[in-house]
N, C-alpha and C. Protein backbone atom coordinates (compact mmCIF):
# COMPACT_ATOMS: atom_id res chain seq x y z
N MET A 1 0.81 -1.18 0.00
CA MET A 1 0.00 0.00 0.00
C MET A 1 0.86 1.25 0.00
N SER A 2 2.14 1.08 -0.17
CA SER A 2 3.03 2.23 -0.11
C SER A 2 2.84 3.20 -1.26
N ASN A 3 2.26 2.76 -2.38
CA ASN A 3 2.04 3.64 -3.51
C ASN A 3 0.68 4.30 -3.48
N GLN A 4 -0.11 4.04 -2.44
CA GLN A 4 -1.46 4.55 -2.39
C GLN A 4 -1.44 6.06 -2.22
N LYS A 5 -2.21 6.75 -3.06
CA LYS A 5 -2.30 8.20 -3.01
C LYS A 5 -3.10 8.60 -1.78
N ILE A 6 -2.60 9.57 -1.04
CA ILE A 6 -3.31 10.09 0.13
C ILE A 6 -3.43 11.59 -0.03
N GLU A 7 -4.65 12.06 0.05
CA GLU A 7 -4.90 13.49 -0.03
C GLU A 7 -5.02 14.02 1.40
N VAL A 8 -4.25 15.05 1.72
CA VAL A 8 -4.34 15.68 3.03
C VAL A 8 -4.85 17.09 2.82
N PHE A 9 -5.87 17.48 3.59
CA PHE A 9 -6.44 18.81 3.47
C PHE A 9 -6.91 19.25 4.84
N GLU A 10 -7.32 20.51 4.95
CA GLU A 10 -7.75 21.05 6.23
C GLU A 10 -9.27 21.10 6.28
N GLN A 11 -9.82 20.68 7.42
CA GLN A 11 -11.26 20.74 7.63
C GLN A 11 -11.48 21.15 9.07
N ASP A 12 -12.19 22.22 9.28
CA ASP A 12 -12.46 22.74 10.62
C ASP A 12 -11.17 22.93 11.42
N GLY A 13 -10.11 23.37 10.74
CA GLY A 13 -8.85 23.64 11.40
C GLY A 13 -8.00 22.42 11.69
N LEU A 14 -8.45 21.23 11.27
CA LEU A 14 -7.69 20.01 11.50
C LEU A 14 -7.23 19.44 10.17
N ALA A 15 -6.03 18.86 10.18
CA ALA A 15 -5.54 18.17 8.99
C ALA A 15 -6.24 16.82 8.90
N VAL A 16 -6.87 16.56 7.78
CA VAL A 16 -7.56 15.29 7.57
C VAL A 16 -7.10 14.72 6.24
N CYS A 17 -7.34 13.43 6.07
CA CYS A 17 -6.96 12.80 4.81
C CYS A 17 -8.05 11.87 4.35
N CYS A 18 -7.93 11.49 3.14
CA CYS A 18 -8.88 10.55 2.58
C CYS A 18 -8.10 9.61 1.67
N PRO A 19 -7.84 8.36 2.08
CA PRO A 19 -7.07 7.45 1.25
C PRO A 19 -7.75 7.20 -0.09
N ALA A 20 -6.94 6.95 -1.09
CA ALA A 20 -7.47 6.71 -2.43
C ALA A 20 -8.45 5.55 -2.45
N LEU A 21 -8.32 4.59 -1.54
CA LEU A 21 -9.23 3.46 -1.47
C LEU A 21 -10.68 3.95 -1.37
N LEU A 22 -10.88 5.07 -0.70
CA LEU A 22 -12.23 5.58 -0.48
C LEU A 22 -12.65 6.62 -1.50
N THR A 23 -11.74 7.08 -2.33
CA THR A 23 -12.07 8.16 -3.25
C THR A 23 -11.87 7.82 -4.71
N ALA A 24 -11.15 6.75 -5.00
CA ALA A 24 -10.86 6.38 -6.38
C ALA A 24 -10.61 4.87 -6.44
N PRO A 25 -10.80 4.29 -7.61
CA PRO A 25 -10.53 2.85 -7.74
C PRO A 25 -9.06 2.54 -7.47
N LEU A 26 -8.81 1.38 -6.91
CA LEU A 26 -7.44 0.94 -6.67
C LEU A 26 -6.80 0.55 -7.99
N ASP A 27 -5.50 0.84 -8.11
CA ASP A 27 -4.79 0.30 -9.27
C ASP A 27 -4.36 -1.12 -8.92
N GLU A 28 -3.78 -1.83 -9.87
CA GLU A 28 -3.45 -3.24 -9.66
C GLU A 28 -2.48 -3.44 -8.50
N ASP A 29 -1.43 -2.62 -8.41
CA ASP A 29 -0.45 -2.76 -7.33
C ASP A 29 -1.08 -2.52 -5.96
N GLN A 30 -1.93 -1.52 -5.86
CA GLN A 30 -2.60 -1.22 -4.59
C GLN A 30 -3.50 -2.37 -4.18
N ALA A 31 -4.24 -2.93 -5.14
CA ALA A 31 -5.13 -4.04 -4.84
C ALA A 31 -4.35 -5.27 -4.37
N VAL A 32 -3.20 -5.53 -5.00
CA VAL A 32 -2.37 -6.67 -4.61
C VAL A 32 -1.87 -6.48 -3.17
N GLU A 33 -1.39 -5.29 -2.84
CA GLU A 33 -0.88 -5.03 -1.50
C GLU A 33 -1.99 -5.12 -0.45
N LEU A 34 -3.13 -4.54 -0.73
CA LEU A 34 -4.24 -4.60 0.23
C LEU A 34 -4.76 -6.02 0.38
N ALA A 35 -4.78 -6.78 -0.70
CA ALA A 35 -5.23 -8.17 -0.64
C ALA A 35 -4.32 -9.00 0.26
N LYS A 36 -3.00 -8.71 0.27
CA LYS A 36 -2.07 -9.42 1.17
C LYS A 36 -2.46 -9.20 2.62
N VAL A 37 -2.82 -7.97 2.93
CA VAL A 37 -3.21 -7.66 4.31
C VAL A 37 -4.48 -8.40 4.68
N PHE A 38 -5.49 -8.33 3.82
CA PHE A 38 -6.74 -9.01 4.12
C PHE A 38 -6.59 -10.52 4.11
N LYS A 39 -5.75 -11.05 3.23
CA LYS A 39 -5.50 -12.49 3.23
C LYS A 39 -4.84 -12.91 4.54
N ALA A 40 -3.88 -12.10 5.00
CA ALA A 40 -3.22 -12.41 6.27
C ALA A 40 -4.22 -12.39 7.42
N LEU A 41 -5.18 -11.49 7.36
CA LEU A 41 -6.18 -11.39 8.42
C LEU A 41 -7.31 -12.41 8.26
N GLY A 42 -7.34 -13.10 7.12
CA GLY A 42 -8.43 -14.01 6.84
C GLY A 42 -8.28 -15.40 7.43
N ASP A 43 -7.27 -15.62 8.21
CA ASP A 43 -7.05 -16.93 8.82
C ASP A 43 -7.23 -16.81 10.33
N PRO A 44 -8.01 -17.70 10.95
CA PRO A 44 -8.26 -17.60 12.41
C PRO A 44 -6.99 -17.68 13.25
N VAL A 45 -6.02 -18.50 12.85
CA VAL A 45 -4.77 -18.59 13.61
C VAL A 45 -4.04 -17.25 13.57
N ARG A 46 -3.97 -16.65 12.39
CA ARG A 46 -3.26 -15.36 12.28
C ARG A 46 -4.00 -14.26 13.01
N LEU A 47 -5.32 -14.30 12.99
CA LEU A 47 -6.07 -13.30 13.77
C LEU A 47 -5.79 -13.45 15.26
N ARG A 48 -5.74 -14.69 15.73
CA ARG A 48 -5.43 -14.92 17.15
C ARG A 48 -4.01 -14.47 17.48
N LEU A 49 -3.06 -14.79 16.58
CA LEU A 49 -1.68 -14.36 16.81
C LEU A 49 -1.59 -12.85 16.89
N LEU A 50 -2.24 -12.18 15.95
CA LEU A 50 -2.22 -10.71 15.96
C LEU A 50 -2.83 -10.17 17.25
N SER A 51 -3.92 -10.79 17.69
CA SER A 51 -4.57 -10.37 18.93
C SER A 51 -3.68 -10.60 20.15
N LEU A 52 -3.01 -11.75 20.18
CA LEU A 52 -2.09 -12.04 21.30
C LEU A 52 -0.94 -11.04 21.34
N ILE A 53 -0.41 -10.72 20.18
CA ILE A 53 0.71 -9.77 20.11
C ILE A 53 0.22 -8.38 20.51
N ALA A 54 -0.91 -7.95 19.97
CA ALA A 54 -1.43 -6.61 20.22
C ALA A 54 -1.81 -6.40 21.68
N SER A 55 -2.29 -7.45 22.33
CA SER A 55 -2.76 -7.29 23.71
C SER A 55 -1.67 -7.53 24.75
N ARG A 56 -0.50 -7.84 24.32
CA ARG A 56 0.60 -8.16 25.25
C ARG A 56 1.10 -6.92 25.97
N ALA A 57 1.16 -6.97 27.27
CA ALA A 57 1.74 -5.88 28.05
C ALA A 57 3.19 -5.70 27.64
N GLY A 58 3.60 -4.48 27.45
CA GLY A 58 4.97 -4.20 27.03
C GLY A 58 5.11 -4.09 25.53
N GLY A 59 4.08 -4.51 24.79
CA GLY A 59 4.06 -4.30 23.36
C GLY A 59 4.79 -5.32 22.51
N GLU A 60 5.45 -6.30 23.13
CA GLU A 60 6.13 -7.32 22.34
C GLU A 60 6.01 -8.67 23.03
N VAL A 61 6.16 -9.72 22.23
CA VAL A 61 6.02 -11.06 22.77
C VAL A 61 7.02 -11.99 22.08
N CYS A 62 7.56 -12.90 22.84
CA CYS A 62 8.49 -13.91 22.32
C CYS A 62 7.68 -15.02 21.65
N VAL A 63 8.22 -15.54 20.56
CA VAL A 63 7.56 -16.65 19.89
C VAL A 63 7.39 -17.83 20.85
N CYS A 64 8.28 -17.96 21.80
CA CYS A 64 8.18 -19.05 22.78
C CYS A 64 6.92 -18.92 23.64
N ASP A 65 6.38 -17.70 23.77
CA ASP A 65 5.15 -17.49 24.53
C ASP A 65 3.91 -17.63 23.67
N LEU A 66 4.07 -17.55 22.35
CA LEU A 66 2.93 -17.68 21.45
C LEU A 66 2.59 -19.14 21.16
N THR A 67 3.61 -19.94 20.97
CA THR A 67 3.42 -21.32 20.53
C THR A 67 2.52 -22.13 21.47
N PRO A 68 2.67 -22.04 22.81
CA PRO A 68 1.82 -22.85 23.70
C PRO A 68 0.32 -22.52 23.61
N ALA A 69 -0.03 -21.37 23.07
CA ALA A 69 -1.44 -20.99 22.97
C ALA A 69 -2.18 -21.74 21.86
N PHE A 70 -1.44 -22.50 21.05
CA PHE A 70 -2.01 -23.18 19.90
C PHE A 70 -1.67 -24.67 19.93
N ASP A 71 -2.50 -25.45 19.30
CA ASP A 71 -2.22 -26.87 19.13
C ASP A 71 -1.56 -27.07 17.77
N LEU A 72 -0.49 -26.29 17.55
CA LEU A 72 0.24 -26.31 16.28
C LEU A 72 1.73 -26.35 16.58
N SER A 73 2.50 -26.83 15.63
CA SER A 73 3.95 -26.88 15.82
C SER A 73 4.55 -25.48 15.74
N GLN A 74 5.75 -25.34 16.31
CA GLN A 74 6.45 -24.05 16.26
C GLN A 74 6.73 -23.62 14.82
N PRO A 75 7.14 -24.52 13.90
CA PRO A 75 7.32 -24.08 12.51
C PRO A 75 6.04 -23.56 11.86
N THR A 76 4.90 -24.15 12.21
CA THR A 76 3.62 -23.67 11.67
C THR A 76 3.30 -22.29 12.20
N ILE A 77 3.52 -22.08 13.48
CA ILE A 77 3.31 -20.75 14.08
C ILE A 77 4.25 -19.74 13.41
N SER A 78 5.50 -20.12 13.20
CA SER A 78 6.46 -19.23 12.55
C SER A 78 6.02 -18.88 11.13
N HIS A 79 5.44 -19.82 10.43
CA HIS A 79 4.93 -19.56 9.08
C HIS A 79 3.82 -18.51 9.12
N HIS A 80 2.89 -18.66 10.06
CA HIS A 80 1.80 -17.69 10.19
C HIS A 80 2.35 -16.31 10.55
N LEU A 81 3.33 -16.27 11.43
CA LEU A 81 3.94 -15.00 11.80
C LEU A 81 4.65 -14.35 10.60
N LYS A 82 5.27 -15.18 9.78
CA LYS A 82 5.93 -14.67 8.57
C LYS A 82 4.92 -14.00 7.65
N LEU A 83 3.75 -14.59 7.49
CA LEU A 83 2.72 -14.00 6.63
C LEU A 83 2.21 -12.68 7.20
N LEU A 84 2.07 -12.61 8.52
CA LEU A 84 1.67 -11.35 9.15
C LEU A 84 2.75 -10.28 8.97
N ARG A 85 4.01 -10.69 9.04
CA ARG A 85 5.13 -9.76 8.81
C ARG A 85 5.14 -9.27 7.37
N GLN A 86 4.97 -10.18 6.43
CA GLN A 86 4.97 -9.81 5.02
C GLN A 86 3.82 -8.87 4.68
N ALA A 87 2.72 -8.96 5.41
CA ALA A 87 1.59 -8.07 5.20
C ALA A 87 1.80 -6.71 5.87
N GLY A 88 2.88 -6.57 6.64
CA GLY A 88 3.17 -5.30 7.30
C GLY A 88 2.44 -5.07 8.59
N LEU A 89 1.83 -6.11 9.14
CA LEU A 89 1.04 -5.97 10.37
C LEU A 89 1.89 -6.10 11.63
N ILE A 90 2.96 -6.88 11.57
CA ILE A 90 3.85 -7.05 12.71
C ILE A 90 5.29 -6.91 12.23
N ASP A 91 6.19 -6.75 13.19
CA ASP A 91 7.62 -6.76 12.90
C ASP A 91 8.29 -7.60 13.99
N CYS A 92 9.56 -7.91 13.79
CA CYS A 92 10.22 -8.78 14.76
C CYS A 92 11.71 -8.48 14.84
N GLU A 93 12.31 -9.08 15.88
CA GLU A 93 13.76 -8.96 16.09
C GLU A 93 14.24 -10.24 16.77
N ARG A 94 15.32 -10.79 16.25
CA ARG A 94 15.92 -11.98 16.85
C ARG A 94 16.81 -11.54 18.02
N ARG A 95 16.65 -12.23 19.15
CA ARG A 95 17.49 -12.00 20.33
C ARG A 95 17.95 -13.36 20.81
N GLY A 96 19.18 -13.69 20.47
CA GLY A 96 19.69 -15.01 20.81
C GLY A 96 18.97 -16.06 19.99
N THR A 97 18.38 -17.04 20.68
CA THR A 97 17.68 -18.10 19.96
C THR A 97 16.20 -17.80 19.75
N TRP A 98 15.70 -16.72 20.33
CA TRP A 98 14.27 -16.40 20.26
C TRP A 98 14.03 -15.20 19.37
N VAL A 99 12.81 -15.14 18.84
CA VAL A 99 12.38 -14.00 18.03
C VAL A 99 11.23 -13.32 18.77
N TYR A 100 11.31 -12.01 18.88
CA TYR A 100 10.28 -11.21 19.55
C TYR A 100 9.48 -10.44 18.50
N TYR A 101 8.17 -10.41 18.69
CA TYR A 101 7.25 -9.79 17.73
C TYR A 101 6.50 -8.64 18.38
N TRP A 102 6.16 -7.65 17.57
CA TRP A 102 5.33 -6.53 18.01
C TRP A 102 4.47 -6.06 16.85
N LEU A 103 3.39 -5.39 17.20
CA LEU A 103 2.46 -4.84 16.24
C LEU A 103 3.07 -3.63 15.54
N VAL A 104 2.76 -3.43 14.28
CA VAL A 104 3.14 -2.22 13.56
C VAL A 104 1.91 -1.30 13.63
N PRO A 105 1.90 -0.35 14.56
CA PRO A 105 0.69 0.44 14.80
C PRO A 105 0.27 1.29 13.60
N GLN A 106 1.21 1.72 12.79
CA GLN A 106 0.83 2.53 11.64
C GLN A 106 -0.10 1.76 10.71
N MET A 107 0.20 0.48 10.49
CA MET A 107 -0.62 -0.32 9.59
C MET A 107 -1.98 -0.63 10.22
N THR A 108 -1.99 -1.02 11.47
CA THR A 108 -3.27 -1.36 12.09
C THR A 108 -4.14 -0.11 12.28
N ASP A 109 -3.52 1.02 12.61
CA ASP A 109 -4.28 2.27 12.73
C ASP A 109 -4.88 2.66 11.38
N ARG A 110 -4.08 2.49 10.34
CA ARG A 110 -4.56 2.85 9.00
C ARG A 110 -5.73 1.95 8.59
N LEU A 111 -5.59 0.65 8.81
CA LEU A 111 -6.69 -0.26 8.48
C LEU A 111 -7.94 0.06 9.29
N ALA A 112 -7.76 0.30 10.56
CA ALA A 112 -8.91 0.64 11.41
C ALA A 112 -9.59 1.90 10.90
N GLY A 113 -8.80 2.88 10.52
CA GLY A 113 -9.37 4.12 10.01
C GLY A 113 -10.15 3.91 8.73
N ILE A 114 -9.62 3.11 7.84
CA ILE A 114 -10.30 2.84 6.57
C ILE A 114 -11.59 2.06 6.81
N LEU A 115 -11.52 1.08 7.69
CA LEU A 115 -12.66 0.18 7.89
C LEU A 115 -13.75 0.75 8.78
N THR A 116 -13.44 1.69 9.65
CA THR A 116 -14.44 2.19 10.59
C THR A 116 -14.93 3.59 10.28
N ARG A 117 -14.39 4.22 9.26
CA ARG A 117 -14.77 5.59 8.92
C ARG A 117 -16.19 5.62 8.39
N PRO A 118 -17.07 6.45 9.00
CA PRO A 118 -18.42 6.60 8.44
C PRO A 118 -18.33 7.19 7.03
N ALA A 119 -19.21 6.78 6.17
CA ALA A 119 -19.22 7.27 4.79
C ALA A 119 -19.25 8.80 4.78
N GLY A 120 -18.39 9.37 4.00
CA GLY A 120 -18.35 10.82 3.85
C GLY A 120 -17.47 11.53 4.85
N ASP A 121 -17.06 10.86 5.94
CA ASP A 121 -16.20 11.49 6.93
C ASP A 121 -14.75 11.23 6.59
N PRO A 122 -13.93 12.28 6.46
CA PRO A 122 -12.52 12.06 6.19
C PRO A 122 -11.80 11.55 7.43
N LEU A 123 -10.69 10.90 7.22
CA LEU A 123 -9.84 10.42 8.31
C LEU A 123 -8.96 11.55 8.81
N PRO A 124 -8.61 11.56 10.11
CA PRO A 124 -7.61 12.51 10.57
C PRO A 124 -6.30 12.18 9.87
N ALA A 125 -5.54 13.20 9.52
CA ALA A 125 -4.27 12.98 8.81
C ALA A 125 -3.33 12.11 9.64
N SER A 126 -3.45 12.13 10.95
CA SER A 126 -2.57 11.31 11.79
C SER A 126 -2.80 9.82 11.58
N ALA A 127 -3.95 9.43 11.04
CA ALA A 127 -4.22 8.01 10.81
C ALA A 127 -3.71 7.53 9.47
N CYS A 128 -3.14 8.45 8.70
CA CYS A 128 -2.67 8.10 7.36
C CYS A 128 -1.16 8.16 7.30
N ARG A 129 -0.58 7.21 6.58
CA ARG A 129 0.85 7.22 6.36
C ARG A 129 1.13 8.15 5.20
N THR A 130 1.83 9.22 5.43
CA THR A 130 2.16 10.14 4.35
C THR A 130 3.65 10.07 4.02
N ASP A 131 4.39 9.17 4.69
CA ASP A 131 5.83 9.06 4.45
C ASP A 131 6.17 8.06 3.37
N ALA A 132 5.17 7.42 2.79
CA ALA A 132 5.42 6.39 1.78
C ALA A 132 5.72 6.99 0.42
């Protein structure tokens, strides 16, 4: 979604934006990128993983703490985490033998803004990534 056009304008003294998704048809690249995000969210295991990561106190969680929550092997959990990472929803860092994961708030905030915005209401500019 990095190529998505974002219009930023002023309304009632506040900077607001309106992603191209809501104002114009998606081009092929935009649709492919957005489909990756929705595909990643379309699996119950990945939704649970995202929820576990997002709700974790401290903002990050070790893969060693995620695996016991599922009746799945560690490689399967790692595969699901990889898909969430590729969709831009989470990021990670290896520390010794373990990998720690955290939510990418810019992506989740942006998705929430797109999905929950009442028709005709622009998003606050702070909910839009303008650095892409």
